[in-house]
C-alpha atoms as a PDB file:
ATOM      1  CA  MET A   1      90.475  68.877 116.199  1.00  0.00           C
ATOM      2  CA  LYS A   2      89.065  72.355 115.519  1.00  0.00           C
ATOM      3  CA  VAL A   3      91.404  74.892 113.922  1.00  0.00           C
ATOM      4  CA  LEU A   4      90.896  78.608 113.341  1.00  0.00           C
ATOM      5  CA  ALA A   5      92.970  79.707 110.339  1.00  0.00           C
ATOM      6  CA  LEU A   6      93.775  83.199 109.043  1.00  0.00           C
ATOM      7  CA  GLU A   7      95.043  84.189 105.586  1.00  0.00           C
ATOM      8  CA  THR A   8      96.314  87.705 104.767  1.00  0.00           C
ATOM      9  CA  SER A   9      99.159  87.114 102.309  1.00  0.00           C
ATOM     10  CA  CYS A  10      97.964  89.587  99.670  1.00  0.00           C
ATOM     11  CA  ASP A  11      94.658  91.399  99.137  1.00  0.00           C
ATOM     12  CA  GLU A  12      92.062  89.019 100.569  1.00  0.00           C
ATOM     13  CA  THR A  13      91.261  88.816 104.245  1.00  0.00           C
ATOM     14  CA  SER A  14      90.081  85.330 105.092  1.00  0.00           C
ATOM     15  CA  ALA A  15      89.261  83.267 108.166  1.00  0.00           C
ATOM     16  CA  ALA A  16      88.172  79.639 108.290  1.00  0.00           C
ATOM     17  CA  VAL A  17      87.265  76.993 110.817  1.00  0.00           C
ATOM     18  CA  VAL A  18      88.279  73.409 110.027  1.00  0.00           C
ATOM     19  CA  ARG A  19      87.298  70.326 111.999  1.00  0.00           C
ATOM     20  CA  ASP A  20      88.536  66.818 111.202  1.00  0.00           C
ATOM     21  CA  GLY A  21      89.314  67.655 107.575  1.00  0.00           C
ATOM     22  CA  ARG A  22      85.997  69.435 106.975  1.00  0.00           C
ATOM     23  CA  VAL A  23      85.632  73.143 106.376  1.00  0.00           C
ATOM     24  CA  LEU A  24      82.912  74.416 108.710  1.00  0.00           C
ATOM     25  CA  ALA A  25      83.305  78.026 107.563  1.00  0.00           C
ATOM     26  CA  ASN A  26      85.431  79.950 105.086  1.00  0.00           C
ATOM     27  CA  VAL A  27      84.847  83.704 105.031  1.00  0.00           C
ATOM     28  CA  VAL A  28      86.684  85.909 102.526  1.00  0.00           C
ATOM     29  CA  SER A  29      86.662  89.698 102.292  1.00  0.00           C
ATOM     30  CA  SER A  30      87.959  90.760  98.875  1.00  0.00           C
ATOM     31  CA  GLN A  31      89.691  94.067  98.144  1.00  0.00           C
ATOM     32  CA  ILE A  32      89.237  94.041  94.348  1.00  0.00           C
ATOM     33  CA  ALA A  33      87.117  97.203  94.262  1.00  0.00           C
ATOM     34  CA  LEU A  34      89.660  99.079  96.391  1.00  0.00           C
ATOM     35  CA  HIS A  35      92.650  98.254  94.179  1.00  0.00           C
ATOM     36  CA  ALA A  36      90.841  98.533  90.826  1.00  0.00           C
ATOM     37  CA  GLU A  37      91.507 102.278  90.748  1.00  0.00           C
ATOM     38  CA  TYR A  38      95.254 101.570  90.718  1.00  0.00           C
ATOM     39  CA  GLY A  39      95.236  98.623  88.347  1.00  0.00           C
ATOM     40  CA  GLY A  40      96.930  96.348  90.885  1.00  0.00           C
ATOM     41  CA  VAL A  41      97.422  95.644  94.578  1.00  0.00           C
ATOM     42  CA  VAL A  42      98.788  98.533  96.653  1.00  0.00           C
ATOM     43  CA  PRO A  43     100.507  96.935  99.683  1.00  0.00           C
ATOM     44  CA  GLU A  44      99.861  99.816 102.076  1.00  0.00           C
ATOM     45  CA  LEU A  45      96.146  99.874 101.273  1.00  0.00           C
ATOM     46  CA  ALA A  46      95.923  96.092 101.483  1.00  0.00           C
ATOM     47  CA  THR A  47      97.448  96.147 104.962  1.00  0.00           C
ATOM     48  CA  ARG A  48      95.007  98.796 106.209  1.00  0.00           C
ATOM     49  CA  GLU A  49      92.078  96.771 104.915  1.00  0.00           C
ATOM     50  CA  HIS A  50      93.368  93.639 106.640  1.00  0.00           C
ATOM     51  CA  LEU A  51      93.548  95.563 109.914  1.00  0.00           C
ATOM     52  CA  ARG A  52      90.009  96.823 109.382  1.00  0.00           C
ATOM     53  CA  ASN A  53      88.475  93.527 108.251  1.00  0.00           C
ATOM     54  CA  LEU A  54      90.294  90.740 110.089  1.00  0.00           C
ATOM     55  CA  MET A  55      88.326  90.833 113.345  1.00  0.00           C
ATOM     56  CA  PRO A  56      84.865  90.968 111.689  1.00  0.00           C
ATOM     57  CA  VAL A  57      85.867  88.212 109.238  1.00  0.00           C
ATOM     58  CA  ALA A  58      87.171  85.953 112.020  1.00  0.00           C
ATOM     59  CA  GLN A  59      84.053  86.533 114.114  1.00  0.00           C
ATOM     60  CA  ALA A  60      81.862  85.727 111.115  1.00  0.00           C
ATOM     61  CA  ALA A  61      83.731  82.460 110.528  1.00  0.00           C
ATOM     62  CA  LEU A  62      83.299  81.411 114.159  1.00  0.00           C
ATOM     63  CA  ARG A  63      79.585  82.231 114.057  1.00  0.00           C
ATOM     64  CA  GLU A  64      79.057  80.353 110.808  1.00  0.00           C
ATOM     65  CA  ALA A  65      80.872  77.313 112.194  1.00  0.00           C
ATOM     66  CA  ALA A  66      78.969  77.555 115.498  1.00  0.00           C
ATOM     67  CA  VAL A  67      82.288  77.369 117.321  1.00  0.00           C
ATOM     68  CA  THR A  68      83.401  79.369 120.345  1.00  0.00           C
ATOM     69  CA  PRO A  69      87.003  80.543 120.718  1.00  0.00           C
ATOM     70  CA  ALA A  70      87.370  78.516 123.909  1.00  0.00           C
ATOM     71  CA  SER A  71      86.521  75.288 122.054  1.00  0.00           C
ATOM     72  CA  LEU A  72      89.308  75.711 119.492  1.00  0.00           C
ATOM     73  CA  ASP A  73      92.179  73.232 119.604  1.00  0.00           C
ATOM     74  CA  ALA A  74      94.688  75.254 117.532  1.00  0.00           C
ATOM     75  CA  VAL A  75      95.197  78.476 115.587  1.00  0.00           C
ATOM     76  CA  ALA A  76      97.025  78.828 112.259  1.00  0.00           C
ATOM     77  CA  ALA A  77      97.982  81.581 109.847  1.00  0.00           C
ATOM     78  CA  THR A  78      99.897  82.078 106.625  1.00  0.00           C
ATOM     79  CA  ARG A  79     103.525  82.814 107.430  1.00  0.00           C
ATOM     80  CA  GLY A  80     104.640  83.388 103.829  1.00  0.00           C
ATOM     81  CA  PRO A  81     105.307  83.989 101.075  1.00  0.00           C
ATOM     82  CA  GLY A  82     103.418  87.212 100.422  1.00  0.00           C
ATOM     83  CA  LEU A  83     103.379  90.953 101.020  1.00  0.00           C
ATOM     84  CA  PRO A  84     105.366  91.557 104.238  1.00  0.00           C
ATOM     85  CA  SER A  85     103.035  94.044 105.900  1.00  0.00           C
ATOM     86  CA  ALA A  86      99.937  92.056 104.916  1.00  0.00           C
ATOM     87  CA  LEU A  87     101.384  88.790 106.243  1.00  0.00           C
ATOM     88  CA  LEU A  88     102.246  90.472 109.519  1.00  0.00           C
ATOM     89  CA  VAL A  89      98.593  91.331 110.242  1.00  0.00           C
ATOM     90  CA  GLY A  90      97.337  87.758 110.050  1.00  0.00           C
ATOM     91  CA  LEU A  91     100.354  86.118 111.674  1.00  0.00           C
ATOM     92  CA  ARG A  92     100.450  88.400 114.703  1.00  0.00           C
ATOM     93  CA  ALA A  93      96.670  88.180 115.163  1.00  0.00           C
ATOM     94  CA  ALA A  94      96.767  84.375 115.111  1.00  0.00           C
ATOM     95  CA  GLN A  95      99.678  84.298 117.538  1.00  0.00           C
ATOM     96  CA  ALA A  96      97.809  86.631 119.891  1.00  0.00           C
ATOM     97  CA  VAL A  97      94.687  84.455 119.809  1.00  0.00           C
ATOM     98  CA  ALA A  98      96.718  81.313 120.428  1.00  0.00           C
ATOM     99  CA  PHE A  99      98.509  82.961 123.358  1.00  0.00           C
ATOM    100  CA  ALA A 100      95.260  84.232 124.883  1.00  0.00           C
ATOM    101  CA  LEU A 101      93.587  80.819 124.605  1.00  0.00           C
ATOM    102  CA  GLY A 102      96.646  78.807 125.562  1.00  0.00           C
ATOM    103  CA  LYS A 103      96.386  76.820 122.314  1.00  0.00           C
ATOM    104  CA  PRO A 104      99.104  75.679 119.871  1.00  0.00           C
ATOM    105  CA  PHE A 105      99.875  77.884 116.887  1.00  0.00           C
ATOM    106  CA  LEU A 106     101.188  76.894 113.460  1.00  0.00           C
ATOM    107  CA  GLY A 107     102.599  79.132 110.724  1.00  0.00           C
ATOM    108  CA  VAL A 108     101.752  77.714 107.293  1.00  0.00           C
ATOM    109  CA  HIS A 109     103.431  78.015 103.882  1.00  0.00           C
ATOM    110  CA  HIS A 110     100.960  79.580 101.434  1.00  0.00           C
ATOM    111  CA  HIS A 111     102.069  77.505  98.428  1.00  0.00           C
ATOM    112  CA  GLU A 112     102.064  74.273 100.405  1.00  0.00           C
ATOM    113  CA  ALA A 113      98.503  75.031 101.486  1.00  0.00           C
ATOM    114  CA  HIS A 114      97.503  75.340  97.816  1.00  0.00           C
ATOM    115  CA  LEU A 115      98.659  71.742  97.302  1.00  0.00           C
ATOM    116  CA  TYR A 116      95.813  70.624  99.581  1.00  0.00           C
ATOM    117  CA  SER A 117      93.050  72.894  98.247  1.00  0.00           C
ATOM    118  CA  PRO A 118      91.961  70.404  95.514  1.00  0.00           C
ATOM    119  CA  TRP A 119      90.890  68.057  98.327  1.00  0.00           C
ATOM    120  CA  ILE A 120      88.592  70.527 100.071  1.00  0.00           C
ATOM    121  CA  GLY A 121      84.934  69.721  99.487  1.00  0.00           C
ATOM    122  CA  GLY A 122      83.452  67.404  96.917  1.00  0.00           C
ATOM    123  CA  GLU A 123      83.966  63.675  96.766  1.00  0.00           C
ATOM    124  CA  PRO A 124      86.147  61.995  97.768  1.00  0.00           C
ATOM    125  CA  PRO A 125      86.634  64.262 100.773  1.00  0.00           C
ATOM    126  CA  CYS A 126      90.084  65.476 101.665  1.00  0.00           C
ATOM    127  CA  ALA A 127      90.465  62.592 104.095  1.00  0.00           C
ATOM    128  CA  ASP A 128      90.935  60.356 101.040  1.00  0.00           C
ATOM    129  CA  PHE A 129      93.947  62.333  99.851  1.00  0.00           C
ATOM    130  CA  THR A 130      96.312  59.418 100.364  1.00  0.00           C
ATOM    131  CA  ALA A 131      94.489  57.361  97.705  1.00  0.00           C
ATOM    132  CA  PHE A 132      95.814  59.788  95.064  1.00  0.00           C
ATOM    133  CA  GLN A 133      99.502  59.769  95.990  1.00  0.00           C
ATOM    134  CA  PRO A 134     101.861  60.481  94.467  1.00  0.00           C
ATOM    135  CA  ASN A 135     100.531  63.294  92.276  1.00  0.00           C
ATOM    136  CA  VAL A 136     101.899  66.156  90.209  1.00  0.00           C
ATOM    137  CA  SER A 137     100.407  69.482  91.229  1.00  0.00           C
ATOM    138  CA  LEU A 138     100.222  72.711  89.213  1.00  0.00           C
ATOM    139  CA  VAL A 139      99.994  75.782  91.459  1.00  0.00           C
ATOM    140  CA  VAL A 140      99.373  78.855  89.338  1.00  0.00           C
ATOM    141  CA  SER A 141      98.306  82.408  90.194  1.00  0.00           C
ATOM    142  CA  GLY A 142      99.270  86.028  89.731  1.00  0.00           C
ATOM    143  CA  GLY A 143     102.367  85.673  91.871  1.00  0.00           C
ATOM    144  CA  HIS A 144     103.602  82.153  91.237  1.00  0.00           C
ATOM    145  CA  THR A 145     103.639  79.274  88.759  1.00  0.00           C
ATOM    146  CA  LEU A 146     104.902  76.016  90.236  1.00  0.00           C
ATOM    147  CA  LEU A 147     105.016  72.334  89.407  1.00  0.00           C
ATOM    148  CA  VAL A 148     105.304  70.134  92.484  1.00  0.00           C
ATOM    149  CA  LEU A 149     105.611  66.387  92.951  1.00  0.00           C
ATOM    150  CA  VAL A 150     103.588  65.445  96.039  1.00  0.00           C
ATOM    151  CA  GLU A 151     105.250  62.161  96.982  1.00  0.00           C
ATOM    152  CA  ALA A 152     103.152  61.497 100.079  1.00  0.00           C
ATOM    153  CA  GLU A 153     101.155  63.418 102.632  1.00  0.00           C
ATOM    154  CA  LEU A 154     103.253  66.337 103.900  1.00  0.00           C
ATOM    155  CA  ARG A 155     106.126  65.327 101.634  1.00  0.00           C
ATOM    156  CA  HIS A 156     106.677  67.135  98.363  1.00  0.00           C
ATOM    157  CA  ARG A 157     109.416  68.143  95.949  1.00  0.00           C
ATOM    158  CA  LEU A 158     109.501  71.267  93.795  1.00  0.00           C
ATOM    159  CA  LEU A 159     109.943  70.327  90.132  1.00  0.00           C
ATOM    160  CA  GLY A 160     109.932  73.757  88.524  1.00  0.00           C
ATOM    161  CA  SER A 161     108.801  77.356  88.817  1.00  0.00           C
ATOM    162  CA  THR A 162     108.694  80.536  86.804  1.00  0.00           C
ATOM    163  CA  VAL A 163     111.986  82.194  85.914  1.00  0.00           C
ATOM    164  CA  ASP A 164     110.293  85.580  85.437  1.00  0.00           C
ATOM    165  CA  ASP A 165     106.596  86.493  85.196  1.00  0.00           C
ATOM    166  CA  ALA A 166     103.954  84.152  86.611  1.00  0.00           C
ATOM    167  CA  ALA A 167     101.099  83.021  84.361  1.00  0.00           C
ATOM    168  CA  GLY A 168      98.535  85.129  86.213  1.00  0.00           C
ATOM    169  CA  GLU A 169     100.745  88.197  85.931  1.00  0.00           C
ATOM    170  CA  CYS A 170     100.956  87.617  82.181  1.00  0.00           C
ATOM    171  CA  PHE A 171      97.167  87.382  81.958  1.00  0.00           C
ATOM    172  CA  ASP A 172      96.698  90.598  83.935  1.00  0.00           C
ATOM    173  CA  LYS A 173      99.369  92.613  82.124  1.00  0.00           C
ATOM    174  CA  VAL A 174      98.145  91.568  78.680  1.00  0.00           C
ATOM    175  CA  ALA A 175      94.631  92.508  79.749  1.00  0.00           C
ATOM    176  CA  LYS A 176      95.924  95.915  80.852  1.00  0.00           C
ATOM    177  CA  LEU A 177      97.605  96.406  77.449  1.00  0.00           C
ATOM    178  CA  ILE A 178      94.279  95.662  75.802  1.00  0.00           C
ATOM    179  CA  GLY A 179      92.486  98.115  78.088  1.00  0.00           C
ATOM    180  CA  LEU A 180      90.451  95.652  80.139  1.00  0.00           C
ATOM    181  CA  PRO A 181      89.433  96.535  83.715  1.00  0.00           C
ATOM    182  CA  TYR A 182      91.198  95.152  86.790  1.00  0.00           C
ATOM    183  CA  PRO A 183      91.428  92.289  87.540  1.00  0.00           C
ATOM    184  CA  GLY A 184      92.288  91.620  83.917  1.00  0.00           C
ATOM    185  CA  GLY A 185      92.603  87.823  83.897  1.00  0.00           C
ATOM    186  CA  PRO A 186      88.898  87.031  84.395  1.00  0.00           C
ATOM    187  CA  ALA A 187      87.876  89.772  81.939  1.00  0.00           C
ATOM    188  CA  LEU A 188      90.241  88.359  79.294  1.00  0.00           C
ATOM    189  CA  ASP A 189      88.843  84.868  79.910  1.00  0.00           C
ATOM    190  CA  ARG A 190      85.275  86.063  79.291  1.00  0.00           C
ATOM    191  CA  LEU A 191      86.202  87.658  75.964  1.00  0.00           C
ATOM    192  CA  ALA A 192      88.316  84.663  74.947  1.00  0.00           C
ATOM    193  CA  GLN A 193      85.339  82.340  75.226  1.00  0.00           C
ATOM    194  CA  GLU A 194      83.835  84.062  72.182  1.00  0.00           C
ATOM    195  CA  GLY A 195      87.061  84.267  70.153  1.00  0.00           C
ATOM    196  CA  ASN A 196      89.083  82.101  67.775  1.00  0.00           C
ATOM    197  CA  ALA A 197      92.153  80.762  69.573  1.00  0.00           C
ATOM    198  CA  ARG A 198      93.901  80.100  66.245  1.00  0.00           C
ATOM    199  CA  ALA A 199      93.474  83.605  64.857  1.00  0.00           C
ATOM    200  CA  PHE A 200      96.934  84.801  65.942  1.00  0.00           C
ATOM    201  CA  ASP A 201     100.093  82.822  66.591  1.00  0.00           C
ATOM    202  CA  PHE A 202     101.926  83.685  69.813  1.00  0.00           C
ATOM    203  CA  PRO A 203     104.966  81.878  71.269  1.00  0.00           C
ATOM    204  CA  ARG A 204     104.697  79.048  73.790  1.00  0.00           C
ATOM    205  CA  PRO A 205     107.775  79.861  75.944  1.00  0.00           C
ATOM    206  CA  MET A 206     109.817  76.918  77.237  1.00  0.00           C
ATOM    207  CA  LEU A 207     107.131  74.413  76.238  1.00  0.00           C
ATOM    208  CA  SER A 208     109.692  72.164  74.547  1.00  0.00           C
ATOM    209  CA  ASP A 209     112.421  72.602  77.164  1.00  0.00           C
ATOM    210  CA  PRO A 210     113.353  69.439  79.072  1.00  0.00           C
ATOM    211  CA  ASP A 211     112.981  71.049  82.506  1.00  0.00           C
ATOM    212  CA  ASP A 212     109.819  71.983  84.411  1.00  0.00           C
ATOM    213  CA  ASP A 213     110.381  75.740  84.612  1.00  0.00           C
ATOM    214  CA  PHE A 214     108.115  78.394  83.118  1.00  0.00           C
ATOM    215  CA  SER A 215     108.617  81.779  81.495  1.00  0.00           C
ATOM    216  CA  PHE A 216     105.886  84.216  80.439  1.00  0.00           C
ATOM    217  CA  SER A 217     107.704  87.550  80.076  1.00  0.00           C
ATOM    218  CA  GLY A 218     108.490  86.874  76.408  1.00  0.00           C
ATOM    219  CA  LEU A 219     104.852  86.177  75.620  1.00  0.00           C
ATOM    220  CA  LYS A 220     103.821  89.422  77.264  1.00  0.00           C
ATOM    221  CA  THR A 221     106.433  91.303  75.218  1.00  0.00           C
ATOM    222  CA  SER A 222     105.258  89.595  72.038  1.00  0.00           C
ATOM    223  CA  VAL A 223     101.720  90.843  72.648  1.00  0.00           C
ATOM    224  CA  ARG A 224     103.008  94.355  73.335  1.00  0.00           C
ATOM    225  CA  TYR A 225     104.802  94.499  69.983  1.00  0.00           C
ATOM    226  CA  PHE A 226     101.837  92.926  68.227  1.00  0.00           C
ATOM    227  CA  LEU A 227      99.530  95.647  69.551  1.00  0.00           C
ATOM    228  CA  ARG A 228     102.046  98.328  68.591  1.00  0.00           C
ATOM    229  CA  ASP A 229     101.764  97.178  64.981  1.00  0.00           C
ATOM    230  CA  HIS A 230      98.024  96.383  65.022  1.00  0.00           C
ATOM    231  CA  GLN A 231      96.388  99.127  67.064  1.00  0.00           C
ATOM    232  CA  GLU A 232      93.223  98.838  64.976  1.00  0.00           C
ATOM    233  CA  ILE A 233      92.387  95.513  66.674  1.00  0.00           C
ATOM    234  CA  LEU A 234      91.479  97.361  69.869  1.00  0.00           C
ATOM    235  CA  ASP A 235      88.546  98.982  68.040  1.00  0.00           C
ATOM    236  CA  ASP A 236      87.310  95.759  66.446  1.00  0.00           C
ATOM    237  CA  GLY A 237      85.260  93.685  68.874  1.00  0.00           C
ATOM    238  CA  ASN A 238      85.549  90.412  66.980  1.00  0.00           C
ATOM    239  CA  ARG A 239      89.302  90.647  66.432  1.00  0.00           C
ATOM    240  CA  LEU A 240      89.789  91.725  70.042  1.00  0.00           C
ATOM    241  CA  ARG A 241      88.044  88.560  71.208  1.00  0.00           C
ATOM    242  CA  ASP A 242      90.240  86.553  68.833  1.00  0.00           C
ATOM    243  CA  LEU A 243      93.314  88.211  70.340  1.00  0.00           C
ATOM    244  CA  CYS A 244      92.205  87.309  73.862  1.00  0.00           C
ATOM    245  CA  ALA A 245      91.539  83.721  72.831  1.00  0.00           C
ATOM    246  CA  SER A 246      94.904  83.435  71.091  1.00  0.00           C
ATOM    247  CA  VAL A 247      96.870  84.784  74.064  1.00  0.00           C
ATOM    248  CA  GLN A 248      94.939  82.596  76.476  1.00  0.00           C
ATOM    249  CA  SER A 249      95.592  79.553  74.297  1.00  0.00           C
ATOM    250  CA  ALA A 250      99.343  80.207  74.372  1.00  0.00           C
ATOM    251  CA  ILE A 251      99.416  80.442  78.181  1.00  0.00           C
ATOM    252  CA  VAL A 252      97.186  77.409  78.687  1.00  0.00           C
ATOM    253  CA  ASP A 253      99.154  75.293  76.195  1.00  0.00           C
ATOM    254  CA  VAL A 254     102.322  75.895  78.212  1.00  0.00           C
ATOM    255  CA  LEU A 255     100.689  75.188  81.572  1.00  0.00           C
ATOM    256  CA  VAL A 256      98.939  72.027  80.426  1.00  0.00           C
ATOM    257  CA  GLY A 257     101.789  70.758  78.262  1.00  0.00           C
ATOM    258  CA  LYS A 258     104.452  71.047  80.941  1.00  0.00           C
ATOM    259  CA  THR A 259     102.168  69.611  83.625  1.00  0.00           C
ATOM    260  CA  ILE A 260     101.301  66.523  81.584  1.00  0.00           C
ATOM    261  CA  LYS A 261     104.937  66.035  80.583  1.00  0.00           C
ATOM    262  CA  ALA A 262     105.988  66.126  84.246  1.00  0.00           C
ATOM    263  CA  ALA A 263     103.230  63.694  85.206  1.00  0.00           C
ATOM    264  CA  ARG A 264     104.374  61.216  82.555  1.00  0.00           C
ATOM    265  CA  ARG A 265     107.996  61.452  83.630  1.00  0.00           C
ATOM    266  CA  CYS A 266     107.169  61.052  87.331  1.00  0.00           C
ATOM    267  CA  GLY A 267     104.886  58.094  86.719  1.00  0.00           C
ATOM    268  CA  VAL A 268     101.953  59.404  88.774  1.00  0.00           C
ATOM    269  CA  ARG A 269      98.269  58.550  88.369  1.00  0.00           C
ATOM    270  CA  CYS A 270      96.825  61.886  89.498  1.00  0.00           C
ATOM    271  CA  VAL A 271      97.271  65.526  88.433  1.00  0.00           C
ATOM    272  CA  THR A 272      95.989  68.405  90.571  1.00  0.00           C
ATOM    273  CA  ALA A 273      95.711  72.144  89.982  1.00  0.00           C
ATOM    274  CA  SER A 274      95.099  75.092  92.299  1.00  0.00           C
ATOM    275  CA  GLY A 275      95.721  78.822  92.604  1.00  0.00           C
ATOM    276  CA  GLY A 276      93.761  81.741  91.205  1.00  0.00           C
ATOM    277  CA  VAL A 277      94.504  81.050  87.529  1.00  0.00           C
ATOM    278  CA  THR A 278      92.875  77.626  87.951  1.00  0.00           C
ATOM    279  CA  CYS A 279      89.576  79.550  87.808  1.00  0.00           C
ATOM    280  CA  ASN A 280      90.303  80.132  84.103  1.00  0.00           C
ATOM    281  CA  SER A 281      87.720  78.246  82.047  1.00  0.00           C
ATOM    282  CA  SER A 282      90.099  77.210  79.276  1.00  0.00           C
ATOM    283  CA  LEU A 283      92.757  75.930  81.685  1.00  0.00           C
ATOM    284  CA  ARG A 284      90.212  73.835  83.560  1.00  0.00           C
ATOM    285  CA  ALA A 285      88.779  72.332  80.379  1.00  0.00           C
ATOM    286  CA  GLU A 286      92.106  71.697  78.647  1.00  0.00           C
ATOM    287  CA  LEU A 287      93.806  70.210  81.696  1.00  0.00           C
ATOM    288  CA  VAL A 288      90.931  67.803  82.343  1.00  0.00           C
ATOM    289  CA  ALA A 289      90.857  66.801  78.664  1.00  0.00           C
ATOM    290  CA  ALA A 290      94.630  66.213  78.586  1.00  0.00           C
ATOM    291  CA  CYS A 291      94.478  64.129  81.776  1.00  0.00           C
ATOM    292  CA  GLN A 292      91.709  61.979  80.343  1.00  0.00           C
ATOM    293  CA  ARG A 293      93.639  61.411  77.104  1.00  0.00           C
ATOM    294  CA  ASP A 294      96.737  60.302  79.021  1.00  0.00           C
ATOM    295  CA  GLY A 295      94.970  58.271  81.698  1.00  0.00           C
ATOM    296  CA  PHE A 296      95.567  60.610  84.648  1.00  0.00           C
ATOM    297  CA  THR A 297      92.949  61.346  87.285  1.00  0.00           C
ATOM    298  CA  PRO A 298      92.405  65.133  87.320  1.00  0.00           C
ATOM    299  CA  ARG A 299      91.643  66.911  90.575  1.00  0.00           C
ATOM    300  CA  LEU A 300      91.095  70.676  90.287  1.00  0.00           C
ATOM    301  CA  ALA A 301      90.393  72.905  93.270  1.00  0.00           C
ATOM    302  CA  GLU A 302      86.862  74.237  93.403  1.00  0.00           C
ATOM    303  CA  ARG A 303      86.792  77.846  92.229  1.00  0.00           C
ATOM    304  CA  ALA A 304      85.961  79.056  95.742  1.00  0.00           C
ATOM    305  CA  PHE A 305      89.214  77.516  96.987  1.00  0.00           C
ATOM    306  CA  CYS A 306      91.435  78.462  94.035  1.00  0.00           C
ATOM    307  CA  THR A 307      92.048  82.032  95.141  1.00  0.00           C
ATOM    308  CA  ASP A 308      93.633  82.906  98.484  1.00  0.00           C
ATOM    309  CA  ASN A 309      91.560  81.456 101.325  1.00  0.00           C
ATOM    310  CA  ALA A 310      92.002  80.416 104.938  1.00  0.00           C
ATOM    311  CA  ALA A 311      90.309  77.033 104.459  1.00  0.00           C
ATOM    312  CA  MET A 312      93.385  75.552 102.778  1.00  0.00           C
ATOM    313  CA  VAL A 313      95.580  76.992 105.546  1.00  0.00           C
ATOM    314  CA  GLY A 314      93.410  75.342 108.179  1.00  0.00           C
ATOM    315  CA  VAL A 315      93.276  71.987 106.372  1.00  0.00           C
ATOM    316  CA  LEU A 316      97.059  71.835 106.089  1.00  0.00           C
ATOM    317  CA  ALA A 317      97.602  73.023 109.662  1.00  0.00           C
ATOM    318  CA  GLU A 318      95.293  70.329 111.015  1.00  0.00           C
ATOM    319  CA  ARG A 319      97.054  67.639 108.971  1.00  0.00           C
ATOM    320  CA  LYS A 320     100.426  68.744 110.251  1.00  0.00           C
ATOM    321  CA  LEU A 321      99.409  68.928 113.896  1.00  0.00           C
ATOM    322  CA  THR A 322      97.604  65.574 113.890  1.00  0.00           C
ATOM    323  CA  SER A 323     100.643  64.036 112.156  1.00  0.00           C
ATOM    324  CA  GLY A 324     102.915  65.086 114.982  1.00  0.00           C
ATOM    325  CA  VAL A 325     104.465  68.250 113.522  1.00  0.00           C
ATOM    326  CA  ALA A 326     105.550  70.491 116.383  1.00  0.00           C
ATOM    327  CA  PRO A 327     103.650  73.769 116.833  1.00  0.00           C
ATOM    328  CA  SER A 328     105.408  76.995 115.881  1.00  0.00           C
ATOM    329  CA  ASP A 329     106.877  79.430 118.370  1.00  0.00           C
ATOM    330  CA  LEU A 330     104.552  82.282 119.253  1.00  0.00           C
ATOM    331  CA  ASP A 331     107.267  84.779 118.356  1.00  0.00           C
ATOM    332  CA  GLU A 332     108.123  83.321 114.943  1.00  0.00           C
ATOM    333  CA  GLU A 333     108.481  85.901 112.187  1.00  0.00           C
ATOM    334  CA  ILE A 334     106.922  86.184 108.742  1.00  0.00           C
ATOM    335  CA  GLN A 335     108.822  84.810 105.738  1.00  0.00           C
ATOM    336  CA  PRO A 336     107.793  86.962 102.738  1.00  0.00           C
ATOM    337  CA  SER A 337     110.084  85.061 100.326  1.00  0.00           C
ATOM    338  CA  TRP A 338     109.684  81.599 101.853  1.00  0.00           C
ATOM    339  CA  ALA A 339     110.719  79.004  99.249  1.00  0.00           C
ATOM    340  CA  LEU A 340     108.606  75.901  98.829  1.00  0.00           C
END
């Protein structure tokens, strides 16, 4: 089966071609430079860029995969959650292509697609996914922080989510308080690598709570008050790096601690992680180390598939269709707040 997939849930326009569990092409057009001026994603601008870029990106993916539209077996797109106007661009385009070609269409849940991104590329290939079931999966980005128990292929149960700010949002807003350029998370990570993570003590919200939910708004507020009382740190390069390392350590401790605790309780052998924040160097290192200490097999999405991409949408769509899931209606609507 060959699937063309489109992803336009936020500020990256992506198209991918997937065949039999293998990604033949995954093209992403990023809008970081456009939104940097505003310090965050502007939905109206993101939508215009999707309209401008979607056709060239899709054509590039087909060329790279050496696949013609007529040879496609199905078309898929992200249905939600995400920015409403941005989602609409990709969904309607995919539905139009499916209608024109007379092929089945499938609307895909963005978060569910992230659950499958750790199995794209590398060894074992994604076809061996079933050997690692069940697993506990951390999905963490600027818009969401989730813990999910993947009980079997296409069967999962949400364990916990954020009650306020997502981890990536905390990274970005703390970076903005410090004066780092957008996107702030990667910039903070680079500085943190040269700092002392024990220099300053920040709270680890909900780390000791018995549930699997997250909260990062209090940590962000703690940093705000800390900077109010220690403005001089912003002019001291060494202490600024220590601050970045200390904040990053607090966020990572919560993410890793709650993930490992959930994995122990659920009795799984494998822990996976995906989403944009999984690009963070400290999170990757600490999660792998914690898994090895506790005897879990770690499986982290490759950095290229951590951020929003159409490859994961195509992989999930193909799995669903080959497993007998019915195609979506060609007039189905977006679901901007679609719960996992």
